[in-house]
Amino acid sequence: MAYSKVPTDWIPDWSEDATDITVPLASFPEMTAAEADAASGDIANILYAIAEKIATVWLATATADRPTMWRIGKSVTPDLVAGTEEAVYTLRFTTEVDVGARNVKAEPA
């Protein structure tokens, strides 16, 4: 198997209609409906859930099947005294610049 750039291989049930994208809450196990609520939700929890989902898929993907033009890293540091942990996600993209746009460079064929 080779790298798949198809969104549904990374986020199941992703859809778009040329105007909007739609992703069911169930696609992000770390996100609740309350956290995603448009009026009272929490953007930090939304971003965390998205990062956690992509990192989880990345880590479950065989190294040979991962992209080479973008990478994600995750580290977790526990604080046993406070009973908390800090999760750090690192996204790295190799980009190419076109006039008026910056895009992730295409994967080699």
C-alpha atoms as a PDB file:
ATOM      1  CA  MET A   1       0.000   0.000   0.000  1.00  0.00           C
ATOM      2  CA  ALA A   2       1.145   3.539  -0.657  1.00  0.00           C
ATOM      3  CA  TYR A   3       0.345   6.902   0.851  1.00  0.00           C
ATOM      4  CA  SER A   4      -3.253   7.973   0.359  1.00  0.00           C
ATOM      5  CA  LYS A   5      -4.032  11.673   0.197  1.00  0.00           C
ATOM      6  CA  VAL A   6      -7.800  11.036   0.194  1.00  0.00           C
ATOM      7  CA  PRO A   7      -9.393  12.820   3.195  1.00  0.00           C
ATOM      8  CA  THR A   8     -11.698   9.894   3.999  1.00  0.00           C
ATOM      9  CA  ASP A   9      -8.669   7.662   4.554  1.00  0.00           C
ATOM     10  CA  TRP A  10      -7.637  10.024   7.337  1.00  0.00           C
ATOM     11  CA  ILE A  11     -11.038  11.235   8.597  1.00  0.00           C
ATOM     12  CA  PRO A  12     -13.862   8.744   7.948  1.00  0.00           C
ATOM     13  CA  ASP A  13     -17.179  10.130   6.696  1.00  0.00           C
ATOM     14  CA  TRP A  14     -15.575  13.383   5.486  1.00  0.00           C
ATOM     15  CA  SER A  15     -17.737  14.937   2.787  1.00  0.00           C
ATOM     16  CA  GLU A  16     -17.903  18.129   0.770  1.00  0.00           C
ATOM     17  CA  ASP A  17     -20.353  19.628  -1.688  1.00  0.00           C
ATOM     18  CA  ALA A  18     -18.161  22.305  -3.316  1.00  0.00           C
ATOM     19  CA  THR A  19     -19.364  24.820  -0.705  1.00  0.00           C
ATOM     20  CA  ASP A  20     -19.126  23.160   2.702  1.00  0.00           C
ATOM     21  CA  ILE A  21     -17.248  20.343   4.315  1.00  0.00           C
ATOM     22  CA  THR A  22     -19.064  18.048   6.731  1.00  0.00           C
ATOM     23  CA  VAL A  23     -17.494  15.776   9.302  1.00  0.00           C
ATOM     24  CA  PRO A  24     -19.549  13.827  11.854  1.00  0.00           C
ATOM     25  CA  LEU A  25     -18.623  14.322  15.508  1.00  0.00           C
ATOM     26  CA  ALA A  26     -18.048  10.564  15.717  1.00  0.00           C
ATOM     27  CA  SER A  27     -14.980  11.071  13.509  1.00  0.00           C
ATOM     28  CA  PHE A  28     -13.275  12.720  16.500  1.00  0.00           C
ATOM     29  CA  PRO A  29     -13.460  10.490  19.596  1.00  0.00           C
ATOM     30  CA  GLU A  30     -11.891  13.224  21.747  1.00  0.00           C
ATOM     31  CA  MET A  31     -14.626  15.783  20.936  1.00  0.00           C
ATOM     32  CA  THR A  32     -18.053  16.107  22.527  1.00  0.00           C
ATOM     33  CA  ALA A  33     -21.070  17.903  21.099  1.00  0.00           C
ATOM     34  CA  ALA A  34     -20.743  20.509  23.861  1.00  0.00           C
ATOM     35  CA  GLU A  35     -17.113  21.198  22.917  1.00  0.00           C
ATOM     36  CA  ALA A  36     -18.075  21.547  19.231  1.00  0.00           C
ATOM     37  CA  ASP A  37     -21.093  23.774  19.845  1.00  0.00           C
ATOM     38  CA  ALA A  38     -20.958  26.829  17.576  1.00  0.00           C
ATOM     39  CA  ALA A  39     -22.080  29.261  20.297  1.00  0.00           C
ATOM     40  CA  SER A  40     -20.555  27.875  23.480  1.00  0.00           C
ATOM     41  CA  GLY A  41     -17.950  25.349  22.360  1.00  0.00           C
ATOM     42  CA  ASP A  42     -14.237  25.348  23.057  1.00  0.00           C
ATOM     43  CA  ILE A  43     -11.857  25.894  20.136  1.00  0.00           C
ATOM     44  CA  ALA A  44      -8.934  24.468  22.128  1.00  0.00           C
ATOM     45  CA  ASN A  45     -10.762  21.159  22.563  1.00  0.00           C
ATOM     46  CA  ILE A  46     -11.754  21.146  18.886  1.00  0.00           C
ATOM     47  CA  LEU A  47      -8.142  21.639  17.772  1.00  0.00           C
ATOM     48  CA  TYR A  48      -6.938  19.007  20.230  1.00  0.00           C
ATOM     49  CA  ALA A  49      -9.483  16.463  18.935  1.00  0.00           C
ATOM     50  CA  ILE A  50      -8.489  17.075  15.306  1.00  0.00           C
ATOM     51  CA  ALA A  51      -4.765  16.821  16.087  1.00  0.00           C
ATOM     52  CA  GLU A  52      -5.308  13.667  18.137  1.00  0.00           C
ATOM     53  CA  LYS A  53      -7.326  12.038  15.348  1.00  0.00           C
ATOM     54  CA  ILE A  54      -4.719  12.734  12.674  1.00  0.00           C
ATOM     55  CA  ALA A  55      -1.856  11.680  14.968  1.00  0.00           C
ATOM     56  CA  THR A  56      -3.687   8.441  15.780  1.00  0.00           C
ATOM     57  CA  VAL A  57      -4.167   7.611  12.093  1.00  0.00           C
ATOM     58  CA  TRP A  58      -0.557   8.586  11.351  1.00  0.00           C
ATOM     59  CA  LEU A  59       0.813   6.316  14.067  1.00  0.00           C
ATOM     60  CA  ALA A  60      -1.372   3.425  12.862  1.00  0.00           C
ATOM     61  CA  THR A  61      -0.088   3.832   9.295  1.00  0.00           C
ATOM     62  CA  ALA A  62       2.914   1.739   8.280  1.00  0.00           C
ATOM     63  CA  THR A  63       6.021   3.890   7.926  1.00  0.00           C
ATOM     64  CA  ALA A  64       6.336   3.018   4.224  1.00  0.00           C
ATOM     65  CA  ASP A  65       2.758   4.226   3.626  1.00  0.00           C
ATOM     66  CA  ARG A  66       3.137   7.612   5.322  1.00  0.00           C
ATOM     67  CA  PRO A  67       3.501  10.794   3.295  1.00  0.00           C
ATOM     68  CA  THR A  68       6.933  12.299   2.826  1.00  0.00           C
ATOM     69  CA  MET A  69       5.850  15.899   2.195  1.00  0.00           C
ATOM     70  CA  TRP A  70       4.119  16.258   5.562  1.00  0.00           C
ATOM     71  CA  ARG A  71       4.653  14.702   8.937  1.00  0.00           C
ATOM     72  CA  ILE A  72       3.046  14.781  12.352  1.00  0.00           C
ATOM     73  CA  GLY A  73       4.744  14.166  15.657  1.00  0.00           C
ATOM     74  CA  LYS A  74       3.250  13.760  19.097  1.00  0.00           C
ATOM     75  CA  SER A  75       4.831  13.769  22.526  1.00  0.00           C
ATOM     76  CA  VAL A  76       3.144  13.595  25.907  1.00  0.00           C
ATOM     77  CA  THR A  77       4.714  14.761  29.143  1.00  0.00           C
ATOM     78  CA  PRO A  78       2.898  13.751  32.338  1.00  0.00           C
ATOM     79  CA  ASP A  79       2.938  15.784  35.541  1.00  0.00           C
ATOM     80  CA  LEU A  80       2.321  13.098  38.144  1.00  0.00           C
ATOM     81  CA  VAL A  81       2.090  15.614  40.987  1.00  0.00           C
ATOM     82  CA  ALA A  82      -0.580  17.774  39.330  1.00  0.00           C
ATOM     83  CA  GLY A  83      -2.276  14.812  37.658  1.00  0.00           C
ATOM     84  CA  THR A  84      -2.102  16.476  34.239  1.00  0.00           C
ATOM     85  CA  GLU A  85      -0.253  15.949  31.012  1.00  0.00           C
ATOM     86  CA  GLU A  86       0.923  18.148  28.192  1.00  0.00           C
ATOM     87  CA  ALA A  87       0.451  16.861  24.659  1.00  0.00           C
ATOM     88  CA  VAL A  88       2.551  18.490  21.945  1.00  0.00           C
ATOM     89  CA  TYR A  89       1.684  17.934  18.286  1.00  0.00           C
ATOM     90  CA  THR A  90       4.131  19.004  15.601  1.00  0.00           C
ATOM     91  CA  LEU A  91       3.009  19.347  11.982  1.00  0.00           C
ATOM     92  CA  ARG A  92       5.684  19.755   9.320  1.00  0.00           C
ATOM     93  CA  PHE A  93       4.919  20.490   5.700  1.00  0.00           C
ATOM     94  CA  THR A  94       7.271  20.694   2.734  1.00  0.00           C
ATOM     95  CA  THR A  95       5.689  23.417   0.656  1.00  0.00           C
ATOM     96  CA  GLU A  96       6.160  24.897  -2.730  1.00  0.00           C
ATOM     97  CA  VAL A  97       5.246  28.477  -3.366  1.00  0.00           C
ATOM     98  CA  ASP A  98       3.180  29.570  -6.331  1.00  0.00           C
ATOM     99  CA  VAL A  99       2.317  33.187  -6.995  1.00  0.00           C
ATOM    100  CA  GLY A 100      -0.497  33.980  -4.589  1.00  0.00           C
ATOM    101  CA  ALA A 101      -0.619  30.538  -2.957  1.00  0.00           C
ATOM    102  CA  ARG A 102       1.369  28.191  -0.780  1.00  0.00           C
ATOM    103  CA  ASN A 103       0.561  24.486  -1.101  1.00  0.00           C
ATOM    104  CA  VAL A 104       1.942  21.279   0.329  1.00  0.00           C
ATOM    105  CA  LYS A 105       4.318  19.835  -2.229  1.00  0.00           C
ATOM    106  CA  ALA A 106       2.961  16.830  -4.125  1.00  0.00           C
ATOM    107  CA  GLU A 107       4.121  13.408  -3.038  1.00  0.00           C
ATOM    108  CA  PRO A 108       6.631  11.745  -5.368  1.00  0.00           C
ATOM    109  CA  ALA A 109       5.081   9.386  -7.893  1.00  0.00           C
END
